[in-house]
Every structure is written in C-alpha cells, then in structure tokens.
Amino acid sequence: MPYLGAMYQAISNRFRVTVRPQYLEGQSKPDEDRYVWAYTITIENLGSRPAKLISRHWIITDARGHKQEVTGEGVVGEQPTVAPGESFQYTSGCPLSTPSGMMVGSYHMLGSDGHAFAIDIPAFSLDSPHERPTFN
C-alpha cells in the first residue's frame, strides 16, 4: 500500500494547483538508496479565460541539499488547455537517492488572448517511512 503524504495547494494568476505526493514502497529499494514517489497534480482554472499549459519547470532537492532543475514541454506528453471552471489532472513520479526531499516549480501558460504567464506549483515534501522525523 502506498504511503500517502499531505496535500499541498497554491493559487496564482487565477489557477489553483493541488499536489498529493505518495511514496511508492513497491518501486523503492532503500538498501540501494532508491526511493520513489508518485505525485498527482490537479490544475484548476478559477478565471474567466482558457489557457494552455506550454511547459514546466521543477526544482527538486534531496535530503542532502542536492538540487536538480528539470524543464520540458507540457506534462506527461500533453499540453492541455484548461477552460474556465475546469481542471486537468495527471500523475507523474520522482526517484531520489535519499529517503526524503522536496519539489517546487511552475507551469508556463499561454492565455487565449496570447498573454504568457506562469502559475506556481506549491513546494511539497517527499517523505518516506524510512526517514526519521526531525523537528526544527
């Protein structure tokens, strides 16, 4: 059974982005320093104009503070247009060599009026049951 993490949300430029990460025990191999998460993202258009998701930008940080930036066209092979009052949902994944980490990013959008803008992807934690909780 997957280890479900918390739910995270951000609202920017009249879009709400909700992220729900989950640790994938069956795909992870802690003895080989391989930890895998899936994350489901819902992008909701709260505005009055449709917009197309053109590209994504991620900053992925592992428990050692190592950062990796990932950019690319669309998401999961698609460049969806999200109409007002509608949403688009997809699931993707992230492997790390540490039992925890975090991700944050943005989507670059193109409005139906030709205006380009970004929407925020909230920072979210990648936590596995193999990590001892720490308190700051």
C-alpha atoms as a PDB file:
ATOM      1  CA  MET A   1       0.000   0.000   0.000  1.00  0.00           C
ATOM      2  CA  PRO A   2       1.420   3.440  -0.882  1.00  0.00           C
ATOM      3  CA  TYR A   3       2.374   5.851   1.863  1.00  0.00           C
ATOM      4  CA  LEU A   4       0.164   8.904   1.257  1.00  0.00           C
ATOM      5  CA  GLY A   5       1.624  12.283   2.076  1.00  0.00           C
ATOM      6  CA  ALA A   6      -0.098  15.567   2.778  1.00  0.00           C
ATOM      7  CA  MET A   7      -1.916  17.671   0.204  1.00  0.00           C
ATOM      8  CA  TYR A   8      -0.412  20.989  -0.917  1.00  0.00           C
ATOM      9  CA  GLN A   9      -2.042  23.936  -2.758  1.00  0.00           C
ATOM     10  CA  ALA A  10      -1.056  27.222  -4.383  1.00  0.00           C
ATOM     11  CA  ILE A  11      -3.205  29.826  -6.144  1.00  0.00           C
ATOM     12  CA  SER A  12      -1.652  32.208  -8.657  1.00  0.00           C
ATOM     13  CA  ASN A  13      -2.876  34.001 -11.774  1.00  0.00           C
ATOM     14  CA  ARG A  14      -6.381  32.597 -11.221  1.00  0.00           C
ATOM     15  CA  PHE A  15      -5.245  28.969 -11.219  1.00  0.00           C
ATOM     16  CA  ARG A  16      -5.193  26.573  -8.250  1.00  0.00           C
ATOM     17  CA  VAL A  17      -2.561  23.832  -8.300  1.00  0.00           C
ATOM     18  CA  THR A  18      -3.061  20.963  -5.844  1.00  0.00           C
ATOM     19  CA  VAL A  19      -0.400  18.290  -5.276  1.00  0.00           C
ATOM     20  CA  ARG A  20      -0.787  14.956  -3.488  1.00  0.00           C
ATOM     21  CA  PRO A  21       2.501  13.003  -3.233  1.00  0.00           C
ATOM     22  CA  GLN A  22       2.702   9.349  -2.269  1.00  0.00           C
ATOM     23  CA  TYR A  23       5.674   7.150  -1.507  1.00  0.00           C
ATOM     24  CA  LEU A  24       5.871   4.015  -3.658  1.00  0.00           C
ATOM     25  CA  GLU A  25       7.233   1.263  -1.417  1.00  0.00           C
ATOM     26  CA  GLY A  26       6.979  -1.362  -4.171  1.00  0.00           C
ATOM     27  CA  GLN A  27       9.231   0.603  -6.551  1.00  0.00           C
ATOM     28  CA  SER A  28      11.695   1.774  -3.899  1.00  0.00           C
ATOM     29  CA  LYS A  29      14.835  -0.074  -2.828  1.00  0.00           C
ATOM     30  CA  PRO A  30      16.139   1.584   0.352  1.00  0.00           C
ATOM     31  CA  ASP A  31      19.080  -0.849   0.576  1.00  0.00           C
ATOM     32  CA  GLU A  32      20.187   0.506  -2.837  1.00  0.00           C
ATOM     33  CA  ASP A  33      19.459   4.172  -1.974  1.00  0.00           C
ATOM     34  CA  ARG A  34      16.487   4.310  -4.350  1.00  0.00           C
ATOM     35  CA  TYR A  35      13.304   5.978  -3.116  1.00  0.00           C
ATOM     36  CA  VAL A  36      10.389   6.605  -5.477  1.00  0.00           C
ATOM     37  CA  TRP A  37       7.342   8.841  -5.216  1.00  0.00           C
ATOM     38  CA  ALA A  38       4.319   9.445  -7.393  1.00  0.00           C
ATOM     39  CA  TYR A  39       2.562  12.783  -7.257  1.00  0.00           C
ATOM     40  CA  THR A  40      -0.878  13.642  -8.549  1.00  0.00           C
ATOM     41  CA  ILE A  41      -1.422  17.227  -9.633  1.00  0.00           C
ATOM     42  CA  THR A  42      -4.722  18.967 -10.308  1.00  0.00           C
ATOM     43  CA  ILE A  43      -4.660  22.279 -12.177  1.00  0.00           C
ATOM     44  CA  GLU A  44      -7.923  24.235 -11.835  1.00  0.00           C
ATOM     45  CA  ASN A  45      -8.817  27.329 -13.849  1.00  0.00           C
ATOM     46  CA  LEU A  46     -10.508  29.766 -11.454  1.00  0.00           C
ATOM     47  CA  GLY A  47     -10.516  32.582 -14.015  1.00  0.00           C
ATOM     48  CA  SER A  48     -12.662  33.547 -16.984  1.00  0.00           C
ATOM     49  CA  ARG A  49     -10.344  32.649 -19.901  1.00  0.00           C
ATOM     50  CA  PRO A  50      -8.911  29.348 -21.114  1.00  0.00           C
ATOM     51  CA  ALA A  51      -5.151  28.840 -21.012  1.00  0.00           C
ATOM     52  CA  LYS A  52      -2.797  26.241 -22.436  1.00  0.00           C
ATOM     53  CA  LEU A  53      -0.022  24.664 -20.372  1.00  0.00           C
ATOM     54  CA  ILE A  54       3.095  25.141 -22.518  1.00  0.00           C
ATOM     55  CA  SER A  55       5.941  23.962 -20.284  1.00  0.00           C
ATOM     56  CA  ARG A  56       7.027  23.068 -16.765  1.00  0.00           C
ATOM     57  CA  HIS A  57       9.955  23.976 -14.531  1.00  0.00           C
ATOM     58  CA  TRP A  58      10.853  21.935 -11.444  1.00  0.00           C
ATOM     59  CA  ILE A  59      13.455  22.331  -8.717  1.00  0.00           C
ATOM     60  CA  ILE A  60      13.959  19.001  -6.948  1.00  0.00           C
ATOM     61  CA  THR A  61      16.024  18.957  -3.740  1.00  0.00           C
ATOM     62  CA  ASP A  62      17.084  15.774  -1.969  1.00  0.00           C
ATOM     63  CA  ALA A  63      17.800  15.370   1.762  1.00  0.00           C
ATOM     64  CA  ARG A  64      21.477  16.220   1.202  1.00  0.00           C
ATOM     65  CA  GLY A  65      20.545  19.582  -0.337  1.00  0.00           C
ATOM     66  CA  HIS A  66      21.470  18.491  -3.881  1.00  0.00           C
ATOM     67  CA  LYS A  67      19.283  20.426  -6.351  1.00  0.00           C
ATOM     68  CA  GLN A  68      18.235  19.333  -9.799  1.00  0.00           C
ATOM     69  CA  GLU A  69      16.322  21.546 -12.234  1.00  0.00           C
ATOM     70  CA  VAL A  70      14.021  19.942 -14.767  1.00  0.00           C
ATOM     71  CA  THR A  71      12.314  21.773 -17.631  1.00  0.00           C
ATOM     72  CA  GLY A  72      10.273  20.480 -20.518  1.00  0.00           C
ATOM     73  CA  GLU A  73       7.291  20.904 -22.750  1.00  0.00           C
ATOM     74  CA  GLY A  74       3.878  20.175 -21.282  1.00  0.00           C
ATOM     75  CA  VAL A  75       3.251  17.451 -18.736  1.00  0.00           C
ATOM     76  CA  VAL A  76       3.116  13.674 -19.299  1.00  0.00           C
ATOM     77  CA  GLY A  77       3.329  14.236 -23.051  1.00  0.00           C
ATOM     78  CA  GLU A  78       0.423  16.690 -23.177  1.00  0.00           C
ATOM     79  CA  GLN A  79      -0.059  20.449 -23.463  1.00  0.00           C
ATOM     80  CA  PRO A  80      -3.594  20.687 -22.119  1.00  0.00           C
ATOM     81  CA  THR A  81      -5.868  23.693 -22.440  1.00  0.00           C
ATOM     82  CA  VAL A  82      -7.780  24.294 -19.218  1.00  0.00           C
ATOM     83  CA  ALA A  83     -11.092  26.109 -19.709  1.00  0.00           C
ATOM     84  CA  PRO A  84     -12.662  28.351 -17.048  1.00  0.00           C
ATOM     85  CA  GLY A  85     -14.220  26.277 -14.270  1.00  0.00           C
ATOM     86  CA  GLU A  86     -12.463  23.116 -15.477  1.00  0.00           C
ATOM     87  CA  SER A  87      -9.420  21.198 -14.311  1.00  0.00           C
ATOM     88  CA  PHE A  88      -6.706  18.909 -15.631  1.00  0.00           C
ATOM     89  CA  GLN A  89      -5.216  16.121 -13.523  1.00  0.00           C
ATOM     90  CA  TYR A  90      -2.161  13.955 -14.093  1.00  0.00           C
ATOM     91  CA  THR A  91       0.207  11.702 -12.168  1.00  0.00           C
ATOM     92  CA  SER A  92       3.964  11.580 -12.566  1.00  0.00           C
ATOM     93  CA  GLY A  93       6.887  10.375 -10.483  1.00  0.00           C
ATOM     94  CA  CYS A  94      10.234  11.228  -8.957  1.00  0.00           C
ATOM     95  CA  PRO A  95      13.077   8.957  -7.809  1.00  0.00           C
ATOM     96  CA  LEU A  96      15.633  10.162  -5.250  1.00  0.00           C
ATOM     97  CA  SER A  97      18.728   8.613  -3.689  1.00  0.00           C
ATOM     98  CA  THR A  98      17.675   9.882  -0.233  1.00  0.00           C
ATOM     99  CA  PRO A  99      14.608   8.925   1.848  1.00  0.00           C
ATOM    100  CA  SER A 100      13.181  12.435   1.681  1.00  0.00           C
ATOM    101  CA  GLY A 101      13.268  15.602  -0.383  1.00  0.00           C
ATOM    102  CA  MET A 102      11.122  18.342  -1.778  1.00  0.00           C
ATOM    103  CA  MET A 103       9.876  19.700  -5.080  1.00  0.00           C
ATOM    104  CA  VAL A 104       8.672  23.134  -6.171  1.00  0.00           C
ATOM    105  CA  GLY A 105       8.080  24.643  -9.573  1.00  0.00           C
ATOM    106  CA  SER A 106       5.933  26.470 -12.060  1.00  0.00           C
ATOM    107  CA  TYR A 107       3.935  25.963 -15.224  1.00  0.00           C
ATOM    108  CA  HIS A 108       4.278  28.367 -18.104  1.00  0.00           C
ATOM    109  CA  MET A 109       0.894  29.087 -19.602  1.00  0.00           C
ATOM    110  CA  LEU A 110      -0.445  30.813 -22.711  1.00  0.00           C
ATOM    111  CA  GLY A 111      -3.820  32.510 -22.388  1.00  0.00           C
ATOM    112  CA  SER A 112      -6.377  32.518 -25.184  1.00  0.00           C
ATOM    113  CA  ASP A 113      -5.583  36.235 -25.608  1.00  0.00           C
ATOM    114  CA  GLY A 114      -1.912  35.412 -26.397  1.00  0.00           C
ATOM    115  CA  HIS A 115      -0.692  36.559 -22.960  1.00  0.00           C
ATOM    116  CA  ALA A 116       2.043  34.308 -21.477  1.00  0.00           C
ATOM    117  CA  PHE A 117       2.163  33.879 -17.695  1.00  0.00           C
ATOM    118  CA  ALA A 118       3.349  31.473 -15.009  1.00  0.00           C
ATOM    119  CA  ILE A 119       1.428  29.651 -12.312  1.00  0.00           C
ATOM    120  CA  ASP A 120       3.029  28.351  -9.146  1.00  0.00           C
ATOM    121  CA  ILE A 121       3.373  24.717  -8.177  1.00  0.00           C
ATOM    122  CA  PRO A 122       3.469  24.669  -4.365  1.00  0.00           C
ATOM    123  CA  ALA A 123       6.565  23.358  -2.605  1.00  0.00           C
ATOM    124  CA  PHE A 124       5.806  19.845  -1.425  1.00  0.00           C
ATOM    125  CA  SER A 125       7.593  17.325   0.708  1.00  0.00           C
ATOM    126  CA  LEU A 126       8.627  13.862  -0.415  1.00  0.00           C
ATOM    127  CA  ASP A 127       8.619  11.793   2.766  1.00  0.00           C
ATOM    128  CA  SER A 128       9.162   8.075   3.098  1.00  0.00           C
ATOM    129  CA  PRO A 129       8.514   5.854   6.104  1.00  0.00           C
ATOM    130  CA  HIS A 130      12.289   5.179   6.079  1.00  0.00           C
ATOM    131  CA  GLU A 131      13.090   8.693   7.289  1.00  0.00           C
ATOM    132  CA  ARG A 132      13.042   9.523  10.980  1.00  0.00           C
ATOM    133  CA  PRO A 133      11.012  12.681  11.558  1.00  0.00           C
ATOM    134  CA  THR A 134      13.007  15.672  12.730  1.00  0.00           C
ATOM    135  CA  PHE A 135      11.691  18.745  14.443  1.00  0.00           C
ATOM    136  CA  ASN A 136      13.152  22.211  13.897  1.00  0.00           C
END
